[in-house]
Amino acid sequence: MCTKNLSLLFAPSLFQTDGQGEQEVRVLEDLINHYVSVFDIDDDQVTQMDLENSLIMTWKDVQLSQAGDLIMEVYVETKITDCCITLR
């Protein structure tokens, strides 16, 4: 979904409007488009998010057999070997 459509969808709820406010939609669209500078995200975080998005887009089209399981480790905050959760 493009940022314009996301903004149209969420602006009325976030800004408590009746869906008539074009300014609110533009503000939210700017926040989405410029989140890196607005929220002071560093280059390493951007690279990590790009990698995660790429993996998500790759896996969404993969068909797994009925007998197969997808197992992945999820790290919260930092990648520390003893601090991960295995999801099945």
C-alpha atoms as a PDB file:
ATOM      1  CA  MET A   1       0.000   0.000   0.000  1.00  0.00           C
ATOM      2  CA  CYS A   2       1.392   3.405  -0.872  1.00  0.00           C
ATOM      3  CA  THR A   3       1.969   6.108   1.748  1.00  0.00           C
ATOM      4  CA  LYS A   4      -0.893   8.221   0.404  1.00  0.00           C
ATOM      5  CA  ASN A   5      -3.371   5.394   0.973  1.00  0.00           C
ATOM      6  CA  LEU A   6      -1.946   4.629   4.422  1.00  0.00           C
ATOM      7  CA  SER A   7      -2.301   8.302   5.307  1.00  0.00           C
ATOM      8  CA  LEU A   8      -5.885   8.410   4.057  1.00  0.00           C
ATOM      9  CA  LEU A   9      -6.673   5.358   6.147  1.00  0.00           C
ATOM     10  CA  PHE A  10      -5.055   6.396   9.449  1.00  0.00           C
ATOM     11  CA  ALA A  11      -5.310  10.213   9.470  1.00  0.00           C
ATOM     12  CA  PRO A  12      -8.964  10.418  10.573  1.00  0.00           C
ATOM     13  CA  SER A  13      -8.261   8.187  13.575  1.00  0.00           C
ATOM     14  CA  LEU A  14      -4.959   9.755  14.592  1.00  0.00           C
ATOM     15  CA  PHE A  15      -6.117  13.339  14.205  1.00  0.00           C
ATOM     16  CA  GLN A  16      -9.740  12.783  15.282  1.00  0.00           C
ATOM     17  CA  THR A  17     -11.172  14.214  12.077  1.00  0.00           C
ATOM     18  CA  ASP A  18     -14.274  13.228  10.171  1.00  0.00           C
ATOM     19  CA  GLY A  19     -12.256  12.301   7.078  1.00  0.00           C
ATOM     20  CA  GLN A  20     -12.483  15.784   5.579  1.00  0.00           C
ATOM     21  CA  GLY A  21      -9.004  17.038   6.543  1.00  0.00           C
ATOM     22  CA  GLU A  22      -6.551  16.989   3.639  1.00  0.00           C
ATOM     23  CA  GLN A  23      -3.923  18.754   5.777  1.00  0.00           C
ATOM     24  CA  GLU A  24      -3.916  15.905   8.296  1.00  0.00           C
ATOM     25  CA  VAL A  25      -3.417  13.402   5.482  1.00  0.00           C
ATOM     26  CA  ARG A  26      -0.431  15.377   4.161  1.00  0.00           C
ATOM     27  CA  VAL A  27       1.112  15.625   7.648  1.00  0.00           C
ATOM     28  CA  LEU A  28       0.812  11.878   8.174  1.00  0.00           C
ATOM     29  CA  GLU A  29       2.157  11.165   4.694  1.00  0.00           C
ATOM     30  CA  ASP A  30       5.194  13.346   5.454  1.00  0.00           C
ATOM     31  CA  LEU A  31       5.749  11.507   8.749  1.00  0.00           C
ATOM     32  CA  ILE A  32       5.675   8.161   6.954  1.00  0.00           C
ATOM     33  CA  ASN A  33       7.907   9.290   4.077  1.00  0.00           C
ATOM     34  CA  HIS A  34      10.468  10.992   6.327  1.00  0.00           C
ATOM     35  CA  TYR A  35      10.419   8.658   9.341  1.00  0.00           C
ATOM     36  CA  VAL A  36      14.212   8.187   9.211  1.00  0.00           C
ATOM     37  CA  SER A  37      14.939  11.831   9.935  1.00  0.00           C
ATOM     38  CA  VAL A  38      11.862  12.441  12.123  1.00  0.00           C
ATOM     39  CA  PHE A  39      12.675   9.578  14.492  1.00  0.00           C
ATOM     40  CA  ASP A  40      16.480   9.878  14.192  1.00  0.00           C
ATOM     41  CA  ILE A  41      17.072   6.363  12.843  1.00  0.00           C
ATOM     42  CA  ASP A  42      20.715   5.577  12.069  1.00  0.00           C
ATOM     43  CA  ASP A  43      22.032   3.895   8.910  1.00  0.00           C
ATOM     44  CA  ASP A  44      22.507   0.510  10.590  1.00  0.00           C
ATOM     45  CA  GLN A  45      18.857   0.419  11.630  1.00  0.00           C
ATOM     46  CA  VAL A  46      17.732   1.399   8.124  1.00  0.00           C
ATOM     47  CA  THR A  47      19.893  -1.361   6.632  1.00  0.00           C
ATOM     48  CA  GLN A  48      18.455  -3.887   9.094  1.00  0.00           C
ATOM     49  CA  MET A  49      14.863  -2.829   8.313  1.00  0.00           C
ATOM     50  CA  ASP A  50      15.535  -3.074   4.564  1.00  0.00           C
ATOM     51  CA  LEU A  51      16.911  -6.585   5.040  1.00  0.00           C
ATOM     52  CA  GLU A  52      13.917  -7.634   7.142  1.00  0.00           C
ATOM     53  CA  ASN A  53      11.467  -6.209   4.602  1.00  0.00           C
ATOM     54  CA  SER A  54      13.276  -7.988   1.795  1.00  0.00           C
ATOM     55  CA  LEU A  55      13.098 -11.310   3.657  1.00  0.00           C
ATOM     56  CA  ILE A  56       9.404 -10.817   4.418  1.00  0.00           C
ATOM     57  CA  MET A  57       8.647 -10.076   0.772  1.00  0.00           C
ATOM     58  CA  THR A  58      10.661 -13.133  -0.309  1.00  0.00           C
ATOM     59  CA  TRP A  59       9.001 -15.512   2.160  1.00  0.00           C
ATOM     60  CA  LYS A  60       5.431 -14.383   1.527  1.00  0.00           C
ATOM     61  CA  ASP A  61       5.454 -16.115  -1.871  1.00  0.00           C
ATOM     62  CA  VAL A  62       7.070 -19.353  -0.649  1.00  0.00           C
ATOM     63  CA  GLN A  63       4.798 -22.361  -0.370  1.00  0.00           C
ATOM     64  CA  LEU A  64       5.702 -24.800   2.414  1.00  0.00           C
ATOM     65  CA  SER A  65       4.664 -28.430   2.313  1.00  0.00           C
ATOM     66  CA  GLN A  66       2.049 -29.645   4.783  1.00  0.00           C
ATOM     67  CA  ALA A  67       4.685 -31.579   6.729  1.00  0.00           C
ATOM     68  CA  GLY A  68       7.269 -28.776   6.750  1.00  0.00           C
ATOM     69  CA  ASP A  69       7.739 -26.221   9.491  1.00  0.00           C
ATOM     70  CA  LEU A  70       9.379 -22.855   9.289  1.00  0.00           C
ATOM     71  CA  ILE A  71      11.546 -22.282  12.338  1.00  0.00           C
ATOM     72  CA  MET A  72      13.176 -18.922  13.004  1.00  0.00           C
ATOM     73  CA  GLU A  73      14.899 -17.193  15.856  1.00  0.00           C
ATOM     74  CA  VAL A  74      13.631 -13.787  16.912  1.00  0.00           C
ATOM     75  CA  TYR A  75      15.922 -11.383  18.738  1.00  0.00           C
ATOM     76  CA  VAL A  76      14.512  -8.482  20.707  1.00  0.00           C
ATOM     77  CA  GLU A  77      16.617  -5.296  20.681  1.00  0.00           C
ATOM     78  CA  THR A  78      20.060  -6.890  20.132  1.00  0.00           C
ATOM     79  CA  LYS A  79      21.375 -10.159  18.755  1.00  0.00           C
ATOM     80  CA  ILE A  80      22.594 -11.990  21.839  1.00  0.00           C
ATOM     81  CA  THR A  81      22.829 -15.757  21.514  1.00  0.00           C
ATOM     82  CA  ASP A  82      21.179 -16.541  24.848  1.00  0.00           C
ATOM     83  CA  CYS A  83      18.390 -14.000  24.436  1.00  0.00           C
ATOM     84  CA  CYS A  84      16.332 -15.263  21.541  1.00  0.00           C
ATOM     85  CA  ILE A  85      12.978 -16.923  21.080  1.00  0.00           C
ATOM     86  CA  THR A  86      12.538 -19.795  18.653  1.00  0.00           C
ATOM     87  CA  LEU A  87       9.212 -19.645  16.783  1.00  0.00           C
ATOM     88  CA  ARG A  88       7.670 -22.594  14.997  1.00  0.00           C
END
